[in-house]
Amino acid sequence: MHELPVTQGILSVVLETAQKHNAQRIDSIDLVIGDLSSFVDDSIQFYFDILSQDTIAQGAKLNFQREAAAVICLECGHRFNAAPPLSPFCPACDSSRLQVSGGKDFYIDSIEIG
């Protein structure tokens, strides 16, 4: 359900951007979503389809690019990508001393207007 306010924000930003550029329509929107964010692509698409009705964004294609989380073991230095659910242990040495980075982003990468 938290995808609804996020999708409202996406629509607001793209409509404002399109208006600044005198666009007649919005053809596509590229989104980057971290694997560790709890956002579901299908839910964002569902809400976008509903919210964008009767706007210049109606029918715009949403392109989702997933960003993996990078994990480094502070014990042995092993690096690996991780997706939920995160294992609390290093697959190489079984240490629990892990540092996670990335995978939490959520942003509009680009907007194609016409």
N, C-alpha and C. Protein backbone atom coordinates (compact mmCIF):
# COMPACT_ATOMS: atom_id res chain seq x y z
N MET A 1 0.82 -1.20 0.00
CA MET A 1 0.00 0.00 0.00
C MET A 1 0.86 1.26 0.00
N HIS A 2 2.12 1.15 0.46
CA HIS A 2 2.97 2.34 0.49
C HIS A 2 3.41 2.77 -0.91
N GLU A 3 3.10 1.95 -1.93
CA GLU A 3 3.41 2.34 -3.31
C GLU A 3 2.51 3.48 -3.79
N LEU A 4 1.33 3.63 -3.20
CA LEU A 4 0.40 4.68 -3.65
C LEU A 4 1.00 6.08 -3.48
N PRO A 5 1.45 6.48 -2.30
CA PRO A 5 2.02 7.84 -2.19
C PRO A 5 3.30 8.02 -3.01
N VAL A 6 4.07 6.96 -3.15
CA VAL A 6 5.28 7.04 -3.97
C VAL A 6 4.91 7.26 -5.43
N THR A 7 3.91 6.55 -5.89
CA THR A 7 3.46 6.69 -7.28
C THR A 7 2.85 8.07 -7.50
N GLN A 8 2.15 8.60 -6.53
CA GLN A 8 1.62 9.96 -6.63
C GLN A 8 2.78 10.94 -6.79
N GLY A 9 3.85 10.72 -6.06
CA GLY A 9 5.03 11.58 -6.17
C GLY A 9 5.69 11.48 -7.54
N ILE A 10 5.79 10.27 -8.07
CA ILE A 10 6.35 10.07 -9.40
C ILE A 10 5.53 10.84 -10.42
N LEU A 11 4.24 10.67 -10.37
CA LEU A 11 3.37 11.34 -11.33
C LEU A 11 3.49 12.85 -11.21
N SER A 12 3.52 13.36 -10.01
CA SER A 12 3.65 14.80 -9.80
C SER A 12 4.94 15.33 -10.42
N VAL A 13 6.04 14.64 -10.18
CA VAL A 13 7.34 15.08 -10.71
C VAL A 13 7.35 15.04 -12.23
N VAL A 14 6.86 13.96 -12.81
CA VAL A 14 6.91 13.86 -14.28
C VAL A 14 5.97 14.86 -14.94
N LEU A 15 4.81 15.10 -14.36
CA LEU A 15 3.91 16.09 -14.93
C LEU A 15 4.49 17.50 -14.84
N GLU A 16 5.10 17.82 -13.72
CA GLU A 16 5.73 19.13 -13.55
C GLU A 16 6.89 19.30 -14.54
N THR A 17 7.69 18.26 -14.68
CA THR A 17 8.82 18.31 -15.63
C THR A 17 8.32 18.46 -17.06
N ALA A 18 7.30 17.70 -17.41
CA ALA A 18 6.74 17.77 -18.76
C ALA A 18 6.18 19.16 -19.04
N GLN A 19 5.52 19.74 -18.05
CA GLN A 19 4.94 21.07 -18.22
C GLN A 19 6.04 22.11 -18.46
N LYS A 20 7.15 22.00 -17.74
CA LYS A 20 8.27 22.93 -17.90
C LYS A 20 8.86 22.87 -19.31
N HIS A 21 8.71 21.71 -19.95
CA HIS A 21 9.29 21.52 -21.29
C HIS A 21 8.21 21.55 -22.38
N ASN A 22 7.04 22.04 -22.01
CA ASN A 22 5.92 22.16 -22.96
C ASN A 22 5.61 20.85 -23.70
N ALA A 23 5.69 19.76 -22.98
CA ALA A 23 5.43 18.44 -23.59
C ALA A 23 3.94 18.24 -23.82
N GLN A 24 3.65 17.53 -24.87
CA GLN A 24 2.27 17.17 -25.18
C GLN A 24 1.88 15.83 -24.57
N ARG A 25 2.90 14.99 -24.34
CA ARG A 25 2.65 13.68 -23.73
C ARG A 25 3.93 13.17 -23.08
N ILE A 26 3.76 12.23 -22.20
CA ILE A 26 4.88 11.53 -21.58
C ILE A 26 4.85 10.11 -22.12
N ASP A 27 5.93 9.73 -22.81
CA ASP A 27 5.97 8.42 -23.45
C ASP A 27 6.47 7.32 -22.52
N SER A 28 7.53 7.60 -21.76
CA SER A 28 8.06 6.57 -20.86
C SER A 28 8.80 7.22 -19.69
N ILE A 29 8.91 6.44 -18.64
CA ILE A 29 9.59 6.88 -17.42
C ILE A 29 10.49 5.75 -16.98
N ASP A 30 11.77 6.05 -16.80
CA ASP A 30 12.73 5.06 -16.32
C ASP A 30 12.92 5.25 -14.82
N LEU A 31 12.66 4.20 -14.07
CA LEU A 31 12.78 4.23 -12.61
C LEU A 31 13.89 3.28 -12.17
N VAL A 32 14.65 3.68 -11.18
CA VAL A 32 15.65 2.82 -10.56
C VAL A 32 15.15 2.51 -9.16
N ILE A 33 15.06 1.22 -8.86
CA ILE A 33 14.54 0.78 -7.57
C ILE A 33 15.51 -0.21 -6.95
N GLY A 34 15.97 0.07 -5.76
CA GLY A 34 16.88 -0.83 -5.06
C GLY A 34 16.19 -2.10 -4.63
N ASP A 35 16.92 -3.20 -4.73
CA ASP A 35 16.37 -4.50 -4.33
C ASP A 35 15.99 -4.54 -2.85
N LEU A 36 16.61 -3.71 -2.04
CA LEU A 36 16.29 -3.71 -0.61
C LEU A 36 15.17 -2.76 -0.25
N SER A 37 14.70 -1.98 -1.22
CA SER A 37 13.51 -1.18 -0.97
C SER A 37 12.34 -2.16 -0.99
N SER A 38 11.29 -1.79 -0.40
CA SER A 38 10.16 -2.72 -0.35
C SER A 38 9.13 -2.44 -1.44
N PHE A 39 9.53 -1.68 -2.46
CA PHE A 39 8.59 -1.32 -3.52
C PHE A 39 8.43 -2.46 -4.52
N VAL A 40 7.19 -2.66 -4.93
CA VAL A 40 6.85 -3.73 -5.87
C VAL A 40 6.50 -3.09 -7.22
N ASP A 41 7.23 -3.50 -8.25
CA ASP A 41 7.05 -2.92 -9.58
C ASP A 41 5.60 -2.96 -10.04
N ASP A 42 4.97 -4.11 -9.91
CA ASP A 42 3.59 -4.27 -10.38
C ASP A 42 2.63 -3.33 -9.65
N SER A 43 2.87 -3.10 -8.38
CA SER A 43 2.00 -2.19 -7.62
C SER A 43 2.18 -0.76 -8.08
N ILE A 44 3.41 -0.36 -8.33
CA ILE A 44 3.66 0.99 -8.84
C ILE A 44 2.99 1.16 -10.20
N GLN A 45 3.13 0.16 -11.06
CA GLN A 45 2.51 0.22 -12.38
C GLN A 45 0.99 0.31 -12.25
N PHE A 46 0.41 -0.49 -11.36
CA PHE A 46 -1.04 -0.50 -11.14
C PHE A 46 -1.53 0.89 -10.73
N TYR A 47 -0.89 1.47 -9.72
CA TYR A 47 -1.30 2.79 -9.25
C TYR A 47 -1.05 3.87 -10.31
N PHE A 48 0.06 3.75 -11.03
CA PHE A 48 0.36 4.73 -12.06
C PHE A 48 -0.72 4.72 -13.14
N ASP A 49 -1.13 3.54 -13.55
CA ASP A 49 -2.17 3.44 -14.58
C ASP A 49 -3.46 4.12 -14.15
N ILE A 50 -3.80 3.98 -12.89
CA ILE A 50 -5.02 4.61 -12.37
C ILE A 50 -4.84 6.12 -12.22
N LEU A 51 -3.75 6.53 -11.58
CA LEU A 51 -3.54 7.95 -11.28
C LEU A 51 -3.29 8.80 -12.52
N SER A 52 -2.72 8.20 -13.56
CA SER A 52 -2.36 8.98 -14.74
C SER A 52 -3.50 9.14 -15.75
N GLN A 53 -4.64 8.51 -15.46
CA GLN A 53 -5.77 8.65 -16.37
C GLN A 53 -6.13 10.13 -16.54
N ASP A 54 -6.44 10.49 -17.77
CA ASP A 54 -6.82 11.86 -18.12
C ASP A 54 -5.70 12.87 -17.91
N THR A 55 -4.44 12.42 -17.94
CA THR A 55 -3.29 13.32 -17.90
C THR A 55 -2.43 13.02 -19.13
N ILE A 56 -1.43 13.85 -19.37
CA ILE A 56 -0.55 13.59 -20.51
C ILE A 56 0.37 12.39 -20.24
N ALA A 57 0.32 11.85 -19.04
CA ALA A 57 1.12 10.66 -18.72
C ALA A 57 0.34 9.36 -18.94
N GLN A 58 -0.93 9.48 -19.26
CA GLN A 58 -1.73 8.27 -19.47
C GLN A 58 -1.11 7.44 -20.58
N GLY A 59 -0.92 6.17 -20.31
CA GLY A 59 -0.34 5.26 -21.29
C GLY A 59 1.18 5.24 -21.32
N ALA A 60 1.82 6.07 -20.50
CA ALA A 60 3.28 6.08 -20.46
C ALA A 60 3.79 4.72 -19.97
N LYS A 61 4.89 4.30 -20.54
CA LYS A 61 5.50 3.02 -20.16
C LYS A 61 6.46 3.26 -19.00
N LEU A 62 6.30 2.49 -17.96
CA LEU A 62 7.24 2.55 -16.84
C LEU A 62 8.28 1.46 -17.05
N ASN A 63 9.54 1.85 -17.05
CA ASN A 63 10.65 0.90 -17.18
C ASN A 63 11.34 0.81 -15.83
N PHE A 64 11.39 -0.39 -15.30
CA PHE A 64 11.96 -0.60 -13.97
C PHE A 64 13.36 -1.20 -14.10
N GLN A 65 14.31 -0.56 -13.45
CA GLN A 65 15.66 -1.09 -13.38
C GLN A 65 15.94 -1.37 -11.91
N ARG A 66 16.25 -2.59 -11.60
CA ARG A 66 16.54 -2.98 -10.22
C ARG A 66 18.02 -2.79 -9.91
N GLU A 67 18.30 -2.28 -8.72
CA GLU A 67 19.66 -2.06 -8.26
C GLU A 67 19.97 -3.05 -7.13
N ALA A 68 20.98 -3.85 -7.33
CA ALA A 68 21.34 -4.86 -6.33
C ALA A 68 22.05 -4.21 -5.14
N ALA A 69 21.97 -4.89 -4.03
CA ALA A 69 22.72 -4.47 -2.85
C ALA A 69 24.09 -5.15 -2.90
N ALA A 70 25.12 -4.41 -2.55
CA ALA A 70 26.47 -4.97 -2.49
C ALA A 70 26.80 -5.26 -1.03
N VAL A 71 27.38 -6.43 -0.81
CA VAL A 71 27.73 -6.82 0.55
C VAL A 71 29.21 -7.18 0.57
N ILE A 72 29.89 -6.73 1.62
CA ILE A 72 31.29 -7.12 1.81
C ILE A 72 31.41 -7.71 3.22
N CYS A 73 32.12 -8.81 3.28
CA CYS A 73 32.37 -9.44 4.57
C CYS A 73 33.56 -8.73 5.20
N LEU A 74 33.39 -8.20 6.39
CA LEU A 74 34.46 -7.49 7.07
C LEU A 74 35.48 -8.45 7.68
N GLU A 75 35.17 -9.73 7.66
CA GLU A 75 36.07 -10.75 8.19
C GLU A 75 37.04 -11.25 7.12
N CYS A 76 36.50 -11.67 5.96
CA CYS A 76 37.35 -12.29 4.93
C CYS A 76 37.46 -11.46 3.66
N GLY A 77 36.67 -10.38 3.52
CA GLY A 77 36.74 -9.53 2.35
C GLY A 77 35.93 -10.00 1.17
N HIS A 78 35.19 -11.10 1.31
CA HIS A 78 34.37 -11.61 0.21
C HIS A 78 33.29 -10.59 -0.13
N ARG A 79 33.12 -10.34 -1.45
CA ARG A 79 32.11 -9.40 -1.93
C ARG A 79 31.06 -10.17 -2.71
N PHE A 80 29.80 -9.79 -2.49
CA PHE A 80 28.71 -10.45 -3.21
C PHE A 80 27.50 -9.54 -3.26
N ASN A 81 26.63 -9.80 -4.22
CA ASN A 81 25.35 -9.09 -4.30
C ASN A 81 24.33 -9.83 -3.48
N ALA A 82 23.40 -9.10 -2.94
CA ALA A 82 22.37 -9.73 -2.11
C ALA A 82 21.01 -9.15 -2.43
N ALA A 83 20.03 -9.97 -2.27
CA ALA A 83 18.64 -9.56 -2.43
C ALA A 83 17.87 -10.10 -1.23
N PRO A 84 16.74 -9.50 -0.93
CA PRO A 84 15.96 -9.98 0.21
C PRO A 84 15.50 -11.42 -0.01
N PRO A 85 15.43 -12.19 0.99
CA PRO A 85 15.86 -11.87 2.36
C PRO A 85 17.37 -12.00 2.48
N LEU A 86 17.98 -11.04 3.15
CA LEU A 86 19.43 -11.04 3.33
C LEU A 86 19.84 -12.13 4.31
N SER A 87 20.84 -12.86 3.93
CA SER A 87 21.41 -13.83 4.87
C SER A 87 22.28 -13.07 5.85
N PRO A 88 22.24 -13.42 7.12
CA PRO A 88 23.06 -12.70 8.09
C PRO A 88 24.51 -13.20 8.14
N PHE A 89 24.86 -14.13 7.23
CA PHE A 89 26.19 -14.72 7.27
C PHE A 89 26.87 -14.68 5.90
N CYS A 90 28.17 -14.55 5.92
CA CYS A 90 28.98 -14.56 4.70
C CYS A 90 28.95 -15.98 4.11
N PRO A 91 28.68 -16.09 2.81
CA PRO A 91 28.67 -17.43 2.20
C PRO A 91 30.06 -18.05 2.10
N ALA A 92 31.12 -17.23 2.24
CA ALA A 92 32.47 -17.76 2.12
C ALA A 92 33.05 -18.23 3.46
N CYS A 93 32.78 -17.47 4.54
CA CYS A 93 33.41 -17.82 5.82
C CYS A 93 32.43 -17.95 6.98
N ASP A 94 31.17 -17.69 6.73
CA ASP A 94 30.11 -17.82 7.74
C ASP A 94 30.15 -16.73 8.83
N SER A 95 30.92 -15.68 8.59
CA SER A 95 30.97 -14.57 9.55
C SER A 95 29.69 -13.76 9.47
N SER A 96 29.34 -13.13 10.57
CA SER A 96 28.18 -12.24 10.58
C SER A 96 28.60 -10.77 10.49
N ARG A 97 29.87 -10.52 10.27
CA ARG A 97 30.37 -9.14 10.17
C ARG A 97 30.27 -8.69 8.71
N LEU A 98 29.07 -8.27 8.33
CA LEU A 98 28.80 -7.87 6.95
C LEU A 98 28.47 -6.39 6.88
N GLN A 99 28.91 -5.79 5.78
CA GLN A 99 28.58 -4.39 5.52
C GLN A 99 27.79 -4.34 4.21
N VAL A 100 26.60 -3.78 4.28
CA VAL A 100 25.71 -3.71 3.13
C VAL A 100 25.70 -2.28 2.60
N SER A 101 25.80 -2.14 1.28
CA SER A 101 25.68 -0.82 0.67
C SER A 101 24.83 -0.93 -0.59
N GLY A 102 24.17 0.16 -0.93
CA GLY A 102 23.33 0.19 -2.12
C GLY A 102 22.06 -0.62 -1.94
N GLY A 103 21.31 -0.69 -3.02
CA GLY A 103 20.09 -1.48 -2.99
C GLY A 103 18.90 -0.81 -2.34
N LYS A 104 19.07 0.44 -1.92
CA LYS A 104 17.97 1.13 -1.23
C LYS A 104 17.44 2.32 -2.02
N ASP A 105 18.07 2.62 -3.14
CA ASP A 105 17.69 3.79 -3.93
C ASP A 105 16.31 3.63 -4.55
N PHE A 106 15.72 4.77 -4.81
CA PHE A 106 14.47 4.82 -5.57
C PHE A 106 14.41 6.19 -6.20
N TYR A 107 14.53 6.24 -7.53
CA TYR A 107 14.50 7.55 -8.18
C TYR A 107 14.08 7.43 -9.64
N ILE A 108 13.69 8.59 -10.18
CA ILE A 108 13.36 8.69 -11.60
C ILE A 108 14.67 8.95 -12.32
N ASP A 109 15.05 8.05 -13.20
CA ASP A 109 16.30 8.19 -13.93
C ASP A 109 16.12 9.08 -15.16
N SER A 110 15.02 8.89 -15.89
CA SER A 110 14.77 9.72 -17.07
C SER A 110 13.30 9.69 -17.43
N ILE A 111 12.91 10.69 -18.21
CA ILE A 111 11.53 10.82 -18.68
C ILE A 111 11.58 11.10 -20.16
N GLU A 112 10.88 10.31 -20.95
CA GLU A 112 10.79 10.56 -22.39
C GLU A 112 9.47 11.26 -22.67
N ILE A 113 9.58 12.46 -23.23
CA ILE A 113 8.38 13.25 -23.52
C ILE A 113 8.23 13.48 -25.02
N GLY A 114 7.03 13.80 -25.42
CA GLY A 114 6.78 14.05 -26.84
C GLY A 114 5.98 15.30 -27.03
